[in-house]
């Protein structure tokens, strides 16, 4: 929850309204974006 709130700037109540599987999906998507951004940082 803190991970999604930090990266997406969504309020706690809004995150709590999501189904568990949807929170997991968003966590996966944000993690993939972070990994890609970190990989891009290493190329410069």
PDB file of N, CA and C in Angstrom:
ATOM      1  N   UNK A   1       0.821  -1.174   0.000  1.00  0.00           N
ATOM      2  CA  UNK A   1       0.000   0.000   0.000  1.00  0.00           C
ATOM      3  C   UNK A   1       0.876   1.254   0.000  1.00  0.00           C
ATOM      4  N   UNK A   2       1.877   1.276   0.846  1.00  0.00           N
ATOM      5  CA  UNK A   2       2.764   2.441   0.896  1.00  0.00           C
ATOM      6  C   UNK A   2       3.505   2.605  -0.427  1.00  0.00           C
ATOM      7  N   UNK A   3       3.901   1.498  -1.034  1.00  0.00           N
ATOM      8  CA  UNK A   3       4.594   1.515  -2.316  1.00  0.00           C
ATOM      9  C   UNK A   3       3.738   2.201  -3.367  1.00  0.00           C
ATOM     10  N   UNK A   4       2.478   1.794  -3.475  1.00  0.00           N
ATOM     11  CA  UNK A   4       1.584   2.395  -4.466  1.00  0.00           C
ATOM     12  C   UNK A   4       1.274   3.849  -4.135  1.00  0.00           C
ATOM     13  N   UNK A   5       1.046   4.114  -2.889  1.00  0.00           N
ATOM     14  CA  UNK A   5       0.753   5.478  -2.489  1.00  0.00           C
ATOM     15  C   UNK A   5       1.921   6.398  -2.816  1.00  0.00           C
ATOM     16  N   UNK A   6       3.126   5.952  -2.551  1.00  0.00           N
ATOM     17  CA  UNK A   6       4.331   6.743  -2.821  1.00  0.00           C
ATOM     18  C   UNK A   6       4.499   7.016  -4.315  1.00  0.00           C
ATOM     19  N   UNK A   7       4.385   5.969  -5.126  1.00  0.00           N
ATOM     20  CA  UNK A   7       4.664   6.101  -6.549  1.00  0.00           C
ATOM     21  C   UNK A   7       3.514   6.691  -7.345  1.00  0.00           C
ATOM     22  N   UNK A   8       2.293   6.414  -6.948  1.00  0.00           N
ATOM     23  CA  UNK A   8       1.138   6.888  -7.713  1.00  0.00           C
ATOM     24  C   UNK A   8       0.459   8.107  -7.103  1.00  0.00           C
ATOM     25  N   UNK A   9       0.835   8.420  -5.866  1.00  0.00           N
ATOM     26  CA  UNK A   9       0.251   9.567  -5.160  1.00  0.00           C
ATOM     27  C   UNK A   9      -1.262   9.422  -5.010  1.00  0.00           C
ATOM     28  N   UNK A  10      -1.688   8.189  -4.777  1.00  0.00           N
ATOM     29  CA  UNK A  10      -3.103   7.927  -4.546  1.00  0.00           C
ATOM     30  C   UNK A  10      -3.365   7.906  -3.049  1.00  0.00           C
ATOM     31  N   UNK A  11      -4.507   8.421  -2.629  1.00  0.00           N
ATOM     32  CA  UNK A  11      -4.826   8.403  -1.195  1.00  0.00           C
ATOM     33  C   UNK A  11      -5.113   6.987  -0.693  1.00  0.00           C
ATOM     34  N   UNK A  12      -4.872   6.786   0.581  1.00  0.00           N
ATOM     35  CA  UNK A  12      -5.052   5.482   1.222  1.00  0.00           C
ATOM     36  C   UNK A  12      -6.460   4.937   0.995  1.00  0.00           C
ATOM     37  N   UNK A  13      -7.463   5.765   1.175  1.00  0.00           N
ATOM     38  CA  UNK A  13      -8.850   5.301   1.011  1.00  0.00           C
ATOM     39  C   UNK A  13      -9.111   4.778  -0.400  1.00  0.00           C
ATOM     40  N   UNK A  14      -8.544   5.451  -1.384  1.00  0.00           N
ATOM     41  CA  UNK A  14      -8.729   5.021  -2.767  1.00  0.00           C
ATOM     42  C   UNK A  14      -8.047   3.674  -3.016  1.00  0.00           C
ATOM     43  N   UNK A  15      -6.864   3.499  -2.461  1.00  0.00           N
ATOM     44  CA  UNK A  15      -6.160   2.227  -2.603  1.00  0.00           C
ATOM     45  C   UNK A  15      -6.916   1.096  -1.913  1.00  0.00           C
ATOM     46  N   UNK A  16      -7.501   1.400  -0.777  1.00  0.00           N
ATOM     47  CA  UNK A  16      -8.241   0.379  -0.038  1.00  0.00           C
ATOM     48  C   UNK A  16      -9.494  -0.074  -0.781  1.00  0.00           C
ATOM     49  N   UNK A  17     -10.028   0.775  -1.636  1.00  0.00           N
ATOM     50  CA  UNK A  17     -11.216   0.421  -2.406  1.00  0.00           C
ATOM     51  C   UNK A  17     -10.899  -0.539  -3.551  1.00  0.00           C
ATOM     52  N   UNK A  18      -9.631  -0.615  -3.938  1.00  0.00           N
ATOM     53  CA  UNK A  18      -9.241  -1.532  -5.011  1.00  0.00           C
ATOM     54  C   UNK A  18      -9.288  -2.976  -4.519  1.00  0.00           C
ATOM     55  N   UNK A  19      -9.604  -3.868  -5.435  1.00  0.00           N
ATOM     56  CA  UNK A  19      -9.510  -5.296  -5.139  1.00  0.00           C
ATOM     57  C   UNK A  19      -8.037  -5.658  -4.961  1.00  0.00           C
ATOM     58  N   UNK A  20      -7.790  -6.686  -4.175  1.00  0.00           N
ATOM     59  CA  UNK A  20      -6.411  -7.114  -3.921  1.00  0.00           C
ATOM     60  C   UNK A  20      -5.672  -7.394  -5.227  1.00  0.00           C
ATOM     61  N   UNK A  21      -6.317  -8.088  -6.146  1.00  0.00           N
ATOM     62  CA  UNK A  21      -5.650  -8.424  -7.417  1.00  0.00           C
ATOM     63  C   UNK A  21      -5.303  -7.171  -8.207  1.00  0.00           C
ATOM     64  N   UNK A  22      -6.139  -6.131  -8.099  1.00  0.00           N
ATOM     65  CA  UNK A  22      -5.837  -4.881  -8.797  1.00  0.00           C
ATOM     66  C   UNK A  22      -4.655  -4.166  -8.158  1.00  0.00           C
ATOM     67  N   UNK A  23      -4.555  -4.207  -6.837  1.00  0.00           N
ATOM     68  CA  UNK A  23      -3.382  -3.624  -6.172  1.00  0.00           C
ATOM     69  C   UNK A  23      -2.121  -4.366  -6.581  1.00  0.00           C
ATOM     70  N   UNK A  24      -2.201  -5.687  -6.669  1.00  0.00           N
ATOM     71  CA  UNK A  24      -1.037  -6.472  -7.104  1.00  0.00           C
ATOM     72  C   UNK A  24      -0.660  -6.133  -8.536  1.00  0.00           C
ATOM     73  N   UNK A  25      -1.657  -5.954  -9.396  1.00  0.00           N
ATOM     74  CA  UNK A  25      -1.400  -5.594 -10.791  1.00  0.00           C
ATOM     75  C   UNK A  25      -0.697  -4.246 -10.879  1.00  0.00           C
ATOM     76  N   UNK A  26      -1.178  -3.256 -10.138  1.00  0.00           N
ATOM     77  CA  UNK A  26      -0.545  -1.946 -10.136  1.00  0.00           C
ATOM     78  C   UNK A  26       0.866  -2.016  -9.581  1.00  0.00           C
ATOM     79  N   UNK A  27       1.072  -2.830  -8.561  1.00  0.00           N
ATOM     80  CA  UNK A  27       2.412  -2.988  -7.999  1.00  0.00           C
ATOM     81  C   UNK A  27       3.361  -3.553  -9.054  1.00  0.00           C
ATOM     82  N   UNK A  28       2.902  -4.521  -9.810  1.00  0.00           N
ATOM     83  CA  UNK A  28       3.706  -5.112 -10.876  1.00  0.00           C
ATOM     84  C   UNK A  28       4.037  -4.081 -11.945  1.00  0.00           C
ATOM     85  N   UNK A  29       3.042  -3.282 -12.327  1.00  0.00           N
ATOM     86  CA  UNK A  29       3.265  -2.263 -13.355  1.00  0.00           C
ATOM     87  C   UNK A  29       4.260  -1.200 -12.894  1.00  0.00           C
ATOM     88  N   UNK A  30       4.093  -0.716 -11.677  1.00  0.00           N
ATOM     89  CA  UNK A  30       5.002   0.308 -11.155  1.00  0.00           C
ATOM     90  C   UNK A  30       6.414  -0.257 -11.032  1.00  0.00           C
ATOM     91  N   UNK A  31       6.536  -1.494 -10.575  1.00  0.00           N
ATOM     92  CA  UNK A  31       7.858  -2.123 -10.457  1.00  0.00           C
ATOM     93  C   UNK A  31       8.533  -2.226 -11.814  1.00  0.00           C
ATOM     94  N   UNK A  32       7.774  -2.583 -12.834  1.00  0.00           N
ATOM     95  CA  UNK A  32       8.340  -2.681 -14.184  1.00  0.00           C
ATOM     96  C   UNK A  32       8.822  -1.324 -14.667  1.00  0.00           C
ATOM     97  N   UNK A  33       8.051  -0.281 -14.396  1.00  0.00           N
ATOM     98  CA  UNK A  33       8.478   1.066 -14.783  1.00  0.00           C
ATOM     99  C   UNK A  33       9.750   1.476 -14.049  1.00  0.00           C
ATOM    100  N   UNK A  34       9.831   1.152 -12.767  1.00  0.00           N
ATOM    101  CA  UNK A  34      11.030   1.464 -11.985  1.00  0.00           C
ATOM    102  C   UNK A  34      12.240   0.718 -12.517  1.00  0.00           C
ATOM    103  N   UNK A  35      12.059  -0.555 -12.842  1.00  0.00           N
ATOM    104  CA  UNK A  35      13.175  -1.342 -13.374  1.00  0.00           C
ATOM    105  C   UNK A  35      13.663  -0.768 -14.697  1.00  0.00           C
ATOM    106  N   UNK A  36      12.731  -0.369 -15.551  1.00  0.00           N
ATOM    107  CA  UNK A  36      13.110   0.213 -16.834  1.00  0.00           C
ATOM    108  C   UNK A  36      13.835   1.543 -16.631  1.00  0.00           C
ATOM    109  N   UNK A  37      13.341   2.363 -15.717  1.00  0.00           N
ATOM    110  CA  UNK A  37      13.990   3.648 -15.437  1.00  0.00           C
ATOM    111  C   UNK A  37      15.396   3.433 -14.879  1.00  0.00           C
ATOM    112  N   UNK A  38      15.549   2.454 -13.995  1.00  0.00           N
ATOM    113  CA  UNK A  38      16.865   2.168 -13.428  1.00  0.00           C
ATOM    114  C   UNK A  38      17.821   1.639 -14.487  1.00  0.00           C
ATOM    115  N   UNK A  39      17.311   0.836 -15.395  1.00  0.00           N
ATOM    116  CA  UNK A  39      18.154   0.323 -16.486  1.00  0.00           C
ATOM    117  C   UNK A  39      18.591   1.456 -17.394  1.00  0.00           C
ATOM    118  N   UNK A  40      17.691   2.383 -17.669  1.00  0.00           N
ATOM    119  CA  UNK A  40      18.019   3.533 -18.518  1.00  0.00           C
ATOM    120  C   UNK A  40      19.066   4.413 -17.854  1.00  0.00           C
ATOM    121  N   UNK A  41      19.019   4.540 -16.531  1.00  0.00           N
ATOM    122  CA  UNK A  41      20.006   5.343 -15.819  1.00  0.00           C
ATOM    123  C   UNK A  41      21.411   4.754 -15.967  1.00  0.00           C
ATOM    124  N   UNK A  42      21.505   3.458 -16.053  1.00  0.00           N
ATOM    125  CA  UNK A  42      22.800   2.803 -16.177  1.00  0.00           C
ATOM    126  C   UNK A  42      23.416   2.962 -17.545  1.00  0.00           C
ATOM    127  N   UNK A  43      22.652   3.311 -18.531  1.00  0.00           N
ATOM    128  CA  UNK A  43      23.149   3.438 -19.904  1.00  0.00           C
ATOM    129  C   UNK A  43      23.803   4.777 -20.165  1.00  0.00           C
ATOM    130  N   UNK A  44      23.548   5.757 -19.340  1.00  0.00           N
ATOM    131  CA  UNK A  44      24.062   7.101 -19.608  1.00  0.00           C
ATOM    132  C   UNK A  44      25.474   7.258 -19.156  1.00  0.00           C
TER     133      UNK A  44
END
